Amino acid sequence: IMDFQPGEFLNVKEVHYNQHGLLLLERQGIYRLGDSWYPVQSGDAIWMALFVPQ
């Protein structure tokens, strides 16, 4: 489980070598995929494919 306070962010661009997912449990945020940004909220699920910069 990753826990972020309001205004915090993960300051790295990741490339995953395994497929996995993310389920946002509380609140809302903005998810970056490549050069695009997507609003996300509690209950949203994100699938992270192999070798896709996140």
Protein backbone atom coordinates (compact mmCIF):
# COMPACT_ATOMS: atom_id res chain seq x y z
CA ILE A 1 0.00 0.00 0.00
CA MET A 2 1.32 3.43 -0.95
CA ASP A 3 0.11 6.39 1.10
CA PHE A 4 0.33 9.97 -0.19
CA GLN A 5 -0.59 13.12 1.67
CA PRO A 6 -2.47 15.84 -0.27
CA GLY A 7 -0.08 17.48 -2.74
CA GLU A 8 2.47 14.63 -2.62
CA PHE A 9 3.50 12.68 -5.70
CA LEU A 10 5.84 9.92 -6.83
CA ASN A 11 8.75 11.79 -8.40
CA VAL A 12 9.95 9.07 -10.78
CA LYS A 13 8.95 7.82 -14.21
CA GLU A 14 8.63 4.05 -13.90
CA VAL A 15 8.78 1.29 -16.47
CA HIS A 16 7.33 -1.94 -15.14
CA TYR A 17 8.75 -5.34 -16.02
CA ASN A 18 5.68 -7.15 -14.71
CA GLN A 19 2.01 -6.55 -15.33
CA HIS A 20 0.17 -5.31 -12.27
CA GLY A 21 -2.63 -3.05 -11.19
CA LEU A 22 -3.54 -0.24 -8.85
CA LEU A 23 -6.79 0.27 -6.96
CA LEU A 24 -7.34 3.75 -5.55
CA LEU A 25 -8.88 3.22 -2.11
CA GLU A 26 -9.54 6.81 -1.01
CA ARG A 27 -9.83 10.34 -2.33
CA GLN A 28 -8.71 11.38 -5.80
CA GLY A 29 -5.64 12.21 -7.82
CA ILE A 30 -4.11 12.59 -11.26
CA TYR A 31 -2.44 9.65 -13.02
CA ARG A 32 0.26 10.18 -15.65
CA LEU A 33 0.56 7.72 -18.52
CA GLY A 34 3.21 8.76 -21.05
CA ASP A 35 2.50 12.41 -21.86
CA SER A 36 -1.16 12.27 -20.80
CA TRP A 37 -2.74 12.99 -17.42
CA TYR A 38 -5.97 11.37 -16.18
CA PRO A 39 -8.14 12.24 -13.17
CA VAL A 40 -8.73 9.25 -10.87
CA GLN A 41 -10.91 8.81 -7.81
CA SER A 42 -11.72 6.33 -5.09
CA GLY A 43 -12.72 2.98 -6.59
CA ASP A 44 -10.83 3.46 -9.88
CA ALA A 45 -8.58 0.63 -11.04
CA ILE A 46 -5.53 1.08 -13.29
CA TRP A 47 -3.88 -1.78 -15.19
CA MET A 48 -0.13 -1.29 -15.72
CA ALA A 49 1.21 -3.18 -18.73
CA LEU A 50 4.78 -4.32 -19.32
CA PHE A 51 7.32 -1.71 -20.45
CA VAL A 52 4.85 1.22 -20.55
CA PRO A 53 6.35 4.39 -18.98
CA GLN A 54 4.13 5.51 -16.09
